C-alpha atoms as a PDB file:
ATOM      1  CA  MET A   1      18.792   7.038  -7.086  1.00  0.00           C
ATOM      2  CA  LYS A   2      21.126   8.003  -4.226  1.00  0.00           C
ATOM      3  CA  LEU A   3      22.731   5.091  -2.423  1.00  0.00           C
ATOM      4  CA  LEU A   4      22.223   4.691   1.306  1.00  0.00           C
ATOM      5  CA  SER A   5      24.878   4.725   3.982  1.00  0.00           C
ATOM      6  CA  CYS A   6      25.115   2.697   7.193  1.00  0.00           C
ATOM      7  CA  PRO A   7      26.874   4.750   9.883  1.00  0.00           C
ATOM      8  CA  LEU A   8      25.386   2.833  12.832  1.00  0.00           C
ATOM      9  CA  ALA A   9      26.172  -0.828  13.374  1.00  0.00           C
ATOM     10  CA  VAL A  10      22.809  -1.442  14.982  1.00  0.00           C
ATOM     11  CA  VAL A  11      21.039  -0.696  11.685  1.00  0.00           C
ATOM     12  CA  ALA A  12      23.724  -1.972   9.325  1.00  0.00           C
ATOM     13  CA  ALA A  13      21.832  -5.065   8.231  1.00  0.00           C
ATOM     14  CA  VAL A  14      18.699  -3.084   7.529  1.00  0.00           C
ATOM     15  CA  CYS A  15      20.591  -0.383   5.661  1.00  0.00           C
ATOM     16  CA  CYS A  16      22.337  -2.919   3.479  1.00  0.00           C
ATOM     17  CA  SER A  17      19.018  -4.403   2.472  1.00  0.00           C
ATOM     18  CA  PHE A  18      18.109  -0.987   1.037  1.00  0.00           C
ATOM     19  CA  SER A  19      21.509  -0.101  -0.402  1.00  0.00           C
ATOM     20  CA  ARG A  20      20.424  -0.206  -4.015  1.00  0.00           C
ATOM     21  CA  SER A  21      17.879   2.603  -3.844  1.00  0.00           C
ATOM     22  CA  ILE A  22      15.754   4.741  -1.633  1.00  0.00           C
ATOM     23  CA  GLU A  23      12.096   3.750  -1.736  1.00  0.00           C
ATOM     24  CA  ALA A  24      10.118   5.119  -4.666  1.00  0.00           C
ATOM     25  CA  HIS A  25       6.618   4.878  -3.151  1.00  0.00           C
ATOM     26  CA  SER A  26       3.872   3.210  -5.179  1.00  0.00           C
ATOM     27  CA  TRP A  27       0.553   3.338  -6.996  1.00  0.00           C
ATOM     28  CA  LEU A  28      -2.027   0.987  -8.474  1.00  0.00           C
ATOM     29  CA  VAL A  29      -1.131  -0.253 -11.959  1.00  0.00           C
ATOM     30  CA  LYS A  30      -3.560  -3.146 -12.471  1.00  0.00           C
ATOM     31  CA  PRO A  31      -6.395  -2.685 -13.285  1.00  0.00           C
ATOM     32  CA  VAL A  32      -5.147   0.160 -15.471  1.00  0.00           C
ATOM     33  CA  SER A  33      -4.895   3.179 -13.220  1.00  0.00           C
ATOM     34  CA  ARG A  34      -5.450   6.855 -13.908  1.00  0.00           C
ATOM     35  CA  ASP A  35      -2.110   7.423 -12.185  1.00  0.00           C
ATOM     36  CA  THR A  36       1.430   6.854 -13.416  1.00  0.00           C
ATOM     37  CA  GLY A  37       3.154   7.873 -10.203  1.00  0.00           C
ATOM     38  CA  PRO A  38       2.585   8.016  -6.431  1.00  0.00           C
ATOM     39  CA  ARG A  39       0.101  10.518  -5.017  1.00  0.00           C
ATOM     40  CA  THR A  40      -0.771  11.170  -1.369  1.00  0.00           C
ATOM     41  CA  THR A  41      -4.386  11.636  -0.364  1.00  0.00           C
ATOM     42  CA  ASP A  42      -5.401  15.073   0.893  1.00  0.00           C
ATOM     43  CA  GLY A  43      -8.790  14.084   2.259  1.00  0.00           C
ATOM     44  CA  THR A  44     -10.738  16.451  -0.015  1.00  0.00           C
ATOM     45  CA  ILE A  45     -10.922  14.508  -3.269  1.00  0.00           C
ATOM     46  CA  GLY A  46     -11.393  10.851  -3.958  1.00  0.00           C
ATOM     47  CA  CYS A  47      -8.911  10.542  -6.824  1.00  0.00           C
ATOM     48  CA  PRO A  48      -5.719  12.479  -7.607  1.00  0.00           C
ATOM     49  CA  LYS A  49      -6.749  12.654 -11.269  1.00  0.00           C
ATOM     50  CA  THR A  50     -10.334  13.517 -12.113  1.00  0.00           C
ATOM     51  CA  ASN A  51     -10.171  12.669 -15.815  1.00  0.00           C
ATOM     52  CA  ALA A  52     -11.664   9.229 -16.388  1.00  0.00           C
ATOM     53  CA  GLY A  53      -9.750   6.638 -18.367  1.00  0.00           C
ATOM     54  CA  THR A  54     -10.992   3.752 -20.473  1.00  0.00           C
ATOM     55  CA  PRO A  55     -12.854   1.442 -18.078  1.00  0.00           C
ATOM     56  CA  THR A  56     -11.918  -2.216 -17.711  1.00  0.00           C
ATOM     57  CA  PRO A  57     -15.026  -4.471 -17.856  1.00  0.00           C
ATOM     58  CA  PHE A  58     -15.748  -6.951 -15.052  1.00  0.00           C
ATOM     59  CA  SER A  59     -18.690  -9.028 -13.880  1.00  0.00           C
ATOM     60  CA  PRO A  60     -20.257  -8.382 -10.461  1.00  0.00           C
ATOM     61  CA  GLY A  61     -18.655 -10.613  -7.853  1.00  0.00           C
ATOM     62  CA  GLU A  62     -15.695 -11.363 -10.134  1.00  0.00           C
ATOM     63  CA  GLU A  63     -12.323 -12.161  -8.600  1.00  0.00           C
ATOM     64  CA  ILE A  64      -9.865  -9.806 -10.288  1.00  0.00           C
ATOM     65  CA  ASP A  65      -6.087  -9.473 -10.362  1.00  0.00           C
ATOM     66  CA  VAL A  66      -4.585  -6.357  -8.798  1.00  0.00           C
ATOM     67  CA  ARG A  67      -0.970  -5.144  -8.861  1.00  0.00           C
ATOM     68  CA  TYR A  68       1.149  -2.312  -7.460  1.00  0.00           C
ATOM     69  CA  TRP A  69       4.864  -1.809  -6.788  1.00  0.00           C
ATOM     70  CA  ARG A  70       6.587  -2.980  -3.597  1.00  0.00           C
ATOM     71  CA  ASN A  71       9.519  -0.544  -3.916  1.00  0.00           C
ATOM     72  CA  ASN A  72      11.323  -1.577  -0.696  1.00  0.00           C
ATOM     73  CA  HIS A  73       8.491  -0.643   1.682  1.00  0.00           C
ATOM     74  CA  LEU A  74       7.524  -2.932   4.557  1.00  0.00           C
ATOM     75  CA  GLY A  75       4.183  -4.419   5.580  1.00  0.00           C
ATOM     76  CA  GLY A  76       0.871  -2.592   5.669  1.00  0.00           C
ATOM     77  CA  PHE A  77      -2.676  -2.825   4.347  1.00  0.00           C
ATOM     78  CA  ILE A  78      -4.625  -1.935   1.204  1.00  0.00           C
ATOM     79  CA  ARG A  79      -8.149  -0.521   1.355  1.00  0.00           C
ATOM     80  CA  TRP A  80     -10.403  -1.072  -1.677  1.00  0.00           C
ATOM     81  CA  SER A  81     -13.504   0.993  -2.385  1.00  0.00           C
ATOM     82  CA  LEU A  82     -15.912   1.656  -5.279  1.00  0.00           C
ATOM     83  CA  SER A  83     -17.847   4.782  -6.208  1.00  0.00           C
ATOM     84  CA  PRO A  84     -20.100   5.440  -9.217  1.00  0.00           C
ATOM     85  CA  ASP A  85     -18.270   7.213 -12.031  1.00  0.00           C
ATOM     86  CA  GLY A  86     -18.711  10.966 -11.694  1.00  0.00           C
ATOM     87  CA  SER A  87     -19.336  10.734  -7.934  1.00  0.00           C
ATOM     88  CA  GLU A  88     -15.864   9.779  -6.775  1.00  0.00           C
ATOM     89  CA  THR A  89     -15.672  12.032  -3.739  1.00  0.00           C
ATOM     90  CA  ALA A  90     -13.638  11.146  -0.687  1.00  0.00           C
ATOM     91  CA  SER A  91     -16.782  10.634   1.379  1.00  0.00           C
ATOM     92  CA  ASN A  92     -18.322   8.311  -1.219  1.00  0.00           C
ATOM     93  CA  PHE A  93     -15.232   6.143  -1.174  1.00  0.00           C
ATOM     94  CA  ASP A  94     -15.164   6.162   2.630  1.00  0.00           C
ATOM     95  CA  ASP A  95     -18.782   4.994   2.669  1.00  0.00           C
ATOM     96  CA  ASN A  96     -18.283   2.232   0.101  1.00  0.00           C
ATOM     97  CA  VAL A  97     -15.267   0.248   1.300  1.00  0.00           C
ATOM     98  CA  PHE A  98     -15.742  -3.393   0.358  1.00  0.00           C
ATOM     99  CA  PHE A  99     -12.359  -5.109   0.765  1.00  0.00           C
ATOM    100  CA  TYR A 100      -9.088  -5.004   2.724  1.00  0.00           C
ATOM    101  CA  THR A 101      -5.910  -6.933   1.925  1.00  0.00           C
ATOM    102  CA  CYS A 102      -2.327  -7.117   3.134  1.00  0.00           C
ATOM    103  CA  ARG A 103      -0.017  -4.873   1.125  1.00  0.00           C
ATOM    104  CA  GLU A 104       2.751  -7.483   0.757  1.00  0.00           C
ATOM    105  CA  SER A 105       0.424 -10.115  -0.703  1.00  0.00           C
ATOM    106  CA  GLY A 106       0.738 -12.093  -3.904  1.00  0.00           C
ATOM    107  CA  PRO A 107       3.173 -14.658  -5.307  1.00  0.00           C
ATOM    108  CA  ASP A 108       5.479 -12.056  -6.880  1.00  0.00           C
ATOM    109  CA  CYS A 109       5.830  -9.822  -3.812  1.00  0.00           C
ATOM    110  CA  VAL A 110       9.224 -11.185  -2.725  1.00  0.00           C
ATOM    111  CA  PRO A 111      12.740  -9.694  -2.795  1.00  0.00           C
ATOM    112  CA  ALA A 112      14.761 -10.541  -5.870  1.00  0.00           C
ATOM    113  CA  ASP A 113      17.469 -12.195  -3.753  1.00  0.00           C
ATOM    114  CA  GLY A 114      14.949 -14.473  -1.996  1.00  0.00           C
ATOM    115  CA  SER A 115      15.493 -12.925   1.442  1.00  0.00           C
ATOM    116  CA  THR A 116      12.954 -13.933   4.098  1.00  0.00           C
ATOM    117  CA  SER A 117      13.863 -11.110   6.485  1.00  0.00           C
ATOM    118  CA  ARG A 118      10.933  -9.063   7.750  1.00  0.00           C
ATOM    119  CA  TYR A 119      12.899  -5.946   6.803  1.00  0.00           C
ATOM    120  CA  ALA A 120      14.224  -6.989   3.387  1.00  0.00           C
ATOM    121  CA  GLY A 121      14.335  -4.540   0.511  1.00  0.00           C
ATOM    122  CA  ASP A 122      13.683  -5.439  -3.118  1.00  0.00           C
ATOM    123  CA  SER A 123      17.345  -6.169  -4.002  1.00  0.00           C
ATOM    124  CA  SER A 124      16.531  -4.840  -7.466  1.00  0.00           C
ATOM    125  CA  GLY A 125      15.674  -1.593  -9.182  1.00  0.00           C
ATOM    126  CA  ASP A 126      12.590   0.482  -8.523  1.00  0.00           C
ATOM    127  CA  HIS A 127       9.283  -0.645 -10.060  1.00  0.00           C
ATOM    128  CA  THR A 128      10.443  -4.247 -10.552  1.00  0.00           C
ATOM    129  CA  ILE A 129       8.792  -6.210  -7.703  1.00  0.00           C
ATOM    130  CA  SER A 130       5.001  -6.254  -7.923  1.00  0.00           C
ATOM    131  CA  CYS A 131       2.641  -6.932  -5.030  1.00  0.00           C
ATOM    132  CA  GLY A 132      -1.044  -7.759  -5.084  1.00  0.00           C
ATOM    133  CA  ASP A 133      -3.018 -10.904  -5.676  1.00  0.00           C
ATOM    134  CA  THR A 134      -6.801 -10.935  -6.142  1.00  0.00           C
ATOM    135  CA  ILE A 135      -9.818  -9.150  -4.716  1.00  0.00           C
ATOM    136  CA  THR A 136     -13.520  -9.926  -5.168  1.00  0.00           C
ATOM    137  CA  LEU A 137     -15.687  -7.156  -6.582  1.00  0.00           C
ATOM    138  CA  PRO A 138     -19.092  -6.435  -5.013  1.00  0.00           C
ATOM    139  CA  ASP A 139     -22.054  -8.487  -6.162  1.00  0.00           C
ATOM    140  CA  TRP A 140     -24.703  -6.043  -4.940  1.00  0.00           C
ATOM    141  CA  LEU A 141     -24.228  -2.992  -7.192  1.00  0.00           C
ATOM    142  CA  ASP A 142     -26.117  -1.908 -10.300  1.00  0.00           C
ATOM    143  CA  GLU A 143     -24.691  -2.308 -13.778  1.00  0.00           C
ATOM    144  CA  GLY A 144     -22.603   0.666 -14.886  1.00  0.00           C
ATOM    145  CA  ASP A 145     -19.322   2.540 -14.693  1.00  0.00           C
ATOM    146  CA  TYR A 146     -17.468   2.765 -11.376  1.00  0.00           C
ATOM    147  CA  VAL A 147     -14.160   4.010 -10.003  1.00  0.00           C
ATOM    148  CA  LEU A 148     -12.026   1.621  -7.955  1.00  0.00           C
ATOM    149  CA  GLN A 149      -9.998   3.361  -5.265  1.00  0.00           C
ATOM    150  CA  TRP A 150      -6.778   1.912  -3.801  1.00  0.00           C
ATOM    151  CA  VAL A 151      -5.365   3.285  -0.523  1.00  0.00           C
ATOM    152  CA  TRP A 152      -2.318   1.939   1.316  1.00  0.00           C
ATOM    153  CA  PHE A 153      -1.684   2.514   5.024  1.00  0.00           C
ATOM    154  CA  GLY A 154       0.199   1.047   7.970  1.00  0.00           C
ATOM    155  CA  VAL A 155       3.303   0.820   5.741  1.00  0.00           C
ATOM    156  CA  GLY A 156       6.839   1.174   7.100  1.00  0.00           C
ATOM    157  CA  SER A 157      10.168   2.503   5.812  1.00  0.00           C
ATOM    158  CA  SER A 158      10.111   5.927   4.180  1.00  0.00           C
ATOM    159  CA  TYR A 159      12.985   7.681   2.415  1.00  0.00           C
ATOM    160  CA  GLY A 160      15.360   5.012   3.678  1.00  0.00           C
ATOM    161  CA  ASN A 161      14.239   5.381   7.305  1.00  0.00           C
ATOM    162  CA  VAL A 162      13.073   2.003   8.598  1.00  0.00           C
ATOM    163  CA  GLY A 163      11.525   3.711  11.654  1.00  0.00           C
ATOM    164  CA  TRP A 164       9.319   6.048   9.645  1.00  0.00           C
ATOM    165  CA  ALA A 165       5.816   5.400   8.343  1.00  0.00           C
ATOM    166  CA  GLU A 166       4.948   5.929   4.724  1.00  0.00           C
ATOM    167  CA  PRO A 167       2.301   8.538   3.903  1.00  0.00           C
ATOM    168  CA  GLN A 168      -1.073   7.231   2.764  1.00  0.00           C
ATOM    169  CA  PHE A 169      -1.002   6.873  -1.008  1.00  0.00           C
ATOM    170  CA  VAL A 170      -4.102   6.692  -3.216  1.00  0.00           C
ATOM    171  CA  SER A 171      -4.819   5.638  -6.805  1.00  0.00           C
ATOM    172  CA  CYS A 172      -7.971   5.197  -8.866  1.00  0.00           C
ATOM    173  CA  ALA A 173      -8.898   2.905 -11.774  1.00  0.00           C
ATOM    174  CA  ASP A 174     -11.963   3.048 -13.991  1.00  0.00           C
ATOM    175  CA  ILE A 175     -14.020  -0.135 -14.308  1.00  0.00           C
ATOM    176  CA  THR A 176     -17.399  -1.215 -15.682  1.00  0.00           C
ATOM    177  CA  LEU A 177     -19.721  -3.734 -14.059  1.00  0.00           C
ATOM    178  CA  THR A 178     -21.293  -5.428 -17.059  1.00  0.00           C
ATOM    179  CA  SER A 179     -24.467  -6.508 -15.254  1.00  0.00           C
ATOM    180  CA  ALA A 180     -26.326  -5.917 -12.011  1.00  0.00           C
ATOM    181  CA  GLY A 181     -25.368  -7.843  -8.900  1.00  0.00           C
ATOM    182  CA  SER A 182     -27.671 -10.375  -7.286  1.00  0.00           C
ATOM    183  CA  SER A 183     -26.611 -10.330  -3.623  1.00  0.00           C
ATOM    184  CA  SER A 184     -27.315  -8.146  -0.622  1.00  0.00           C
ATOM    185  CA  GLU A 185     -24.615  -5.813   0.642  1.00  0.00           C
ATOM    186  CA  PRO A 186     -22.801  -7.302   3.659  1.00  0.00           C
ATOM    187  CA  GLU A 187     -22.610  -5.344   6.878  1.00  0.00           C
ATOM    188  CA  CYS A 188     -18.804  -5.366   7.004  1.00  0.00           C
ATOM    189  CA  PRO A 189     -16.062  -5.196   4.378  1.00  0.00           C
ATOM    190  CA  THR A 190     -14.216  -8.407   3.518  1.00  0.00           C
ATOM    191  CA  PHE A 191     -10.698  -8.844   4.876  1.00  0.00           C
ATOM    192  CA  VAL A 192      -8.228 -11.333   3.396  1.00  0.00           C
ATOM    193  CA  GLY A 193      -5.046 -11.689   5.443  1.00  0.00           C
ATOM    194  CA  GLY A 194      -1.720 -13.369   4.838  1.00  0.00           C
ATOM    195  CA  ASP A 195       1.368 -11.724   3.367  1.00  0.00           C
ATOM    196  CA  ARG A 196       5.048 -12.281   2.664  1.00  0.00           C
ATOM    197  CA  VAL A 197       6.053 -12.209   6.338  1.00  0.00           C
ATOM    198  CA  THR A 198       3.195 -14.308   7.748  1.00  0.00           C
ATOM    199  CA  LYS A 199       3.877 -16.962   5.122  1.00  0.00           C
ATOM    200  CA  ASN A 200       7.631 -16.997   5.731  1.00  0.00           C
ATOM    201  CA  GLU A 201       7.077 -17.380   9.469  1.00  0.00           C
ATOM    202  CA  ASN A 202       4.118 -19.804   9.253  1.00  0.00           C
ATOM    203  CA  LEU A 203       1.808 -17.424  11.114  1.00  0.00           C
ATOM    204  CA  GLY A 204      -1.386 -18.182   9.201  1.00  0.00           C
ATOM    205  CA  ASN A 205      -3.454 -16.028   6.907  1.00  0.00           C
ATOM    206  CA  ASP A 206      -5.733 -14.075   9.216  1.00  0.00           C
ATOM    207  CA  GLU A 207      -3.437 -11.083   9.848  1.00  0.00           C
ATOM    208  CA  CYS A 208      -0.968  -8.758   8.134  1.00  0.00           C
ATOM    209  CA  PHE A 209       2.502  -7.535   9.075  1.00  0.00           C
ATOM    210  CA  TYR A 210       2.247  -3.755   9.475  1.00  0.00           C
ATOM    211  CA  PHE A 211       3.985  -0.692  10.890  1.00  0.00           C
ATOM    212  CA  TYR A 212       2.832   1.410  13.855  1.00  0.00           C
ATOM    213  CA  THR A 213      -0.891   1.781  13.104  1.00  0.00           C
ATOM    214  CA  SER A 214      -3.720  -0.265  11.639  1.00  0.00           C
ATOM    215  CA  SER A 215      -5.748   2.872  10.880  1.00  0.00           C
ATOM    216  CA  ILE A 216      -5.567   5.567   8.222  1.00  0.00           C
ATOM    217  CA  GLU A 217      -3.941   8.440  10.110  1.00  0.00           C
ATOM    218  CA  SER A 218      -3.751  12.184   9.486  1.00  0.00           C
ATOM    219  CA  THR A 219      -0.066  12.426  10.439  1.00  0.00           C
ATOM    220  CA  GLN A 220       3.055  10.696   9.190  1.00  0.00           C
ATOM    221  CA  TYR A 221       4.795   8.988  12.100  1.00  0.00           C
ATOM    222  CA  LYS A 222       8.581   9.417  12.205  1.00  0.00           C
ATOM    223  CA  GLY A 223      10.215   7.278  14.854  1.00  0.00           C
ATOM    224  CA  SER A 224      13.597   5.910  15.777  1.00  0.00           C
ATOM    225  CA  ASN A 225      15.758   4.070  13.261  1.00  0.00           C
ATOM    226  CA  GLU A 226      17.448   2.271  16.156  1.00  0.00           C
ATOM    227  CA  ASP A 227      14.408   1.047  18.105  1.00  0.00           C
ATOM    228  CA  TYR A 228      12.106   0.415  15.146  1.00  0.00           C
ATOM    229  CA  GLU A 229      11.264  -3.279  15.622  1.00  0.00           C
ATOM    230  CA  GLN A 230       8.711  -2.619  18.376  1.00  0.00           C
ATOM    231  CA  ASN A 231       6.543  -0.753  15.858  1.00  0.00           C
ATOM    232  CA  TYR A 232       6.367  -3.646  13.370  1.00  0.00           C
ATOM    233  CA  VAL A 233       3.538  -5.930  14.491  1.00  0.00           C
ATOM    234  CA  PHE A 234       0.781  -8.228  13.203  1.00  0.00           C
ATOM    235  CA  GLY A 235      -2.940  -7.608  13.056  1.00  0.00           C
ATOM    236  CA  LYS A 236      -6.014  -6.622  11.065  1.00  0.00           C
ATOM    237  CA  PRO A 237      -7.155  -3.190   9.884  1.00  0.00           C
ATOM    238  CA  SER A 238      -8.821  -1.399  12.789  1.00  0.00           C
ATOM    239  CA  TYR A 239     -12.002  -0.971  10.735  1.00  0.00           C
ATOM    240  CA  VAL A 240     -12.299  -4.722  10.326  1.00  0.00           C
ATOM    241  CA  GLU A 241     -11.708  -5.265  14.043  1.00  0.00           C
ATOM    242  CA  ASN A 242     -14.305  -2.644  14.949  1.00  0.00           C
ATOM    243  CA  CYS A 243     -17.029  -3.742  12.536  1.00  0.00           C
ATOM    244  CA  SER A 244     -19.599  -5.713  14.516  1.00  0.00           C
ATOM    245  CA  GLY A 245     -22.966  -5.600  12.818  1.00  0.00           C
ATOM    246  CA  THR A 246     -22.761  -2.191  11.176  1.00  0.00           C
ATOM    247  CA  ARG A 247     -20.429  -0.907   8.477  1.00  0.00           C
ATOM    248  CA  ALA A 248     -17.312   0.592  10.013  1.00  0.00           C
ATOM    249  CA  ASN A 249     -17.413   3.896   8.170  1.00  0.00           C
ATOM    250  CA  SER A 250     -16.305   5.982  11.125  1.00  0.00           C
ATOM    251  CA  GLY A 251     -12.559   6.414  10.920  1.00  0.00           C
ATOM    252  CA  ASN A 252     -12.310   5.216   7.335  1.00  0.00           C
ATOM    253  CA  ALA A 253     -11.724   8.727   6.062  1.00  0.00           C
ATOM    254  CA  THR A 254      -8.534   9.350   4.124  1.00  0.00           C
ATOM    255  CA  MET A 255      -6.555  12.413   5.142  1.00  0.00           C
ATOM    256  CA  SER A 256      -3.299  13.981   4.088  1.00  0.00           C
ATOM    257  CA  PRO A 257      -0.190  13.185   6.130  1.00  0.00           C
ATOM    258  CA  VAL A 258       1.291  16.019   8.176  1.00  0.00           C
ATOM    259  CA  THR A 259       5.054  16.146   8.526  1.00  0.00           C
ATOM    260  CA  GLN A 260       6.359  15.775  12.071  1.00  0.00           C
ATOM    261  CA  SER A 261       9.871  16.190  13.376  1.00  0.00           C
ATOM    262  CA  PRO A 262      11.611  12.812  13.548  1.00  0.00           C
ATOM    263  CA  VAL A 263      12.670  11.321  16.852  1.00  0.00           C
ATOM    264  CA  THR A 264      15.978  10.566  15.187  1.00  0.00           C
ATOM    265  CA  THR A 265      17.394  11.150  11.753  1.00  0.00           C
ATOM    266  CA  SER A 266      19.827   8.262  11.700  1.00  0.00           C
ATOM    267  CA  PRO A 267      19.560   6.362   9.449  1.00  0.00           C
ATOM    268  CA  SER A 268       3.488 -14.666 -11.632  1.00  0.00           C
ATOM    269  CA  SER A 269       0.242 -16.162 -11.864  1.00  0.00           C
ATOM    270  CA  THR A 270      -1.920 -15.612 -14.932  1.00  0.00           C
ATOM    271  CA  ALA A 271      -1.728 -11.930 -14.286  1.00  0.00           C
ATOM    272  CA  GLU A 272       1.248 -10.096 -15.711  1.00  0.00           C
ATOM    273  CA  SER A 273       3.534  -7.993 -13.590  1.00  0.00           C
ATOM    274  CA  PRO A 274       2.861  -4.260 -14.023  1.00  0.00           C
ATOM    275  CA  THR A 275       4.780  -2.350 -16.657  1.00  0.00           C
ATOM    276  CA  ALA A 276       3.716   1.204 -15.883  1.00  0.00           C
ATOM    277  CA  THR A 277       6.280   3.945 -16.467  1.00  0.00           C
ATOM    278  CA  PRO A 278       6.772   6.046 -13.326  1.00  0.00           C
ATOM    279  CA  THR A 279       6.815   9.823 -13.341  1.00  0.00           C
ATOM    280  CA  SER A 280       8.825  12.059 -11.069  1.00  0.00           C
ATOM    281  CA  THR A 281       7.430  12.426  -7.561  1.00  0.00           C
ATOM    282  CA  GLU A 282       6.740  15.553  -5.581  1.00  0.00           C
ATOM    283  CA  TYR A 283       8.593  14.412  -2.511  1.00  0.00           C
ATOM    284  CA  PRO A 284      11.807  15.955  -1.138  1.00  0.00           C
ATOM    285  CA  PRO A 285      14.842  13.746  -0.420  1.00  0.00           C
ATOM    286  CA  GLU A 286      14.157  13.526   3.312  1.00  0.00           C
ATOM    287  CA  SER A 287      16.661  10.731   3.951  1.00  0.00           C
ATOM    288  CA  THR A 288      19.661  11.817   5.973  1.00  0.00           C
ATOM    289  CA  PHE A 289      21.928   9.095   4.588  1.00  0.00           C
ATOM    290  CA  ASP A 290      25.154  10.208   2.967  1.00  0.00           C
ATOM    291  CA  GLU A 291      26.548   8.201   0.072  1.00  0.00           C
ATOM    292  CA  SER A 292      30.086   9.192   0.967  1.00  0.00           C
ATOM    293  CA  SER A 293      29.880   7.334   4.302  1.00  0.00           C
ATOM    294  CA  ARG A 294      28.294   4.079   3.141  1.00  0.00           C
ATOM    295  CA  GLY A 295      30.866   1.985   4.979  1.00  0.00           C
ATOM    296  CA  GLY A 296      30.316  -1.756   4.621  1.00  0.00           C
ATOM    297  CA  CYS A 297      27.056  -1.752   2.725  1.00  0.00           C
ATOM    298  CA  GLU A 298      28.347  -2.569  -0.731  1.00  0.00           C
END
């Protein structure tokens, strides 16, 4: 991985926190995912890989462990959805969202050096710091095989740019519900707040720290690396905020990010941590940092 440079004093502290590597994006690794590398959603299919894997069995309403890589990214949300196996279209997932969590949740989702900065990197190699805690599966579905979809959004810091949003990444895992549920479907998805930043700053557990937007957007925001702090805020997913008696399906759709010109180009619990082996990504080295001018970021 190419090392980052810190040519501007105003972002020196942030750059140093990422000096070990440029972010490597992420994907779901627990439950066992179909994916072994990051994939953006294009809004036309529900899962990047259509070949089903071996399903992991769970009971309806079971609280399950989930894990994915932090990889130096900041804040954000995770959307969780289920679709019957063989029917995993984008629209089916959009219509069957059952849970939202903060992306930087879980006891292991902390920088290796113990930093409590809102903008701290991993201080370790890629694919070493795992995020994720637990989610509760639906207790209103029939017995059978399903596909669990994971989507992250509202995440900051992309290609070493702390003022850029990450694209929306998606992964899918095959699961089996071993019996039929016994409850009625709720009108709104469940949201569980609280993440690394809210805990460090004693802000409670009803919100998440996120970047720029609390919705799944069709464009990738690229803002200033000097005036980035105003875009890091606290809140709930917009779909949770907007759900008042009916399921908030409108606006849940996942769409592919569209590249925009940047404003500036300056720079465990009982569950095991994931051990997935990453594959090469499709993404170009958009970062404008130059290793030869790293300055004081050793």
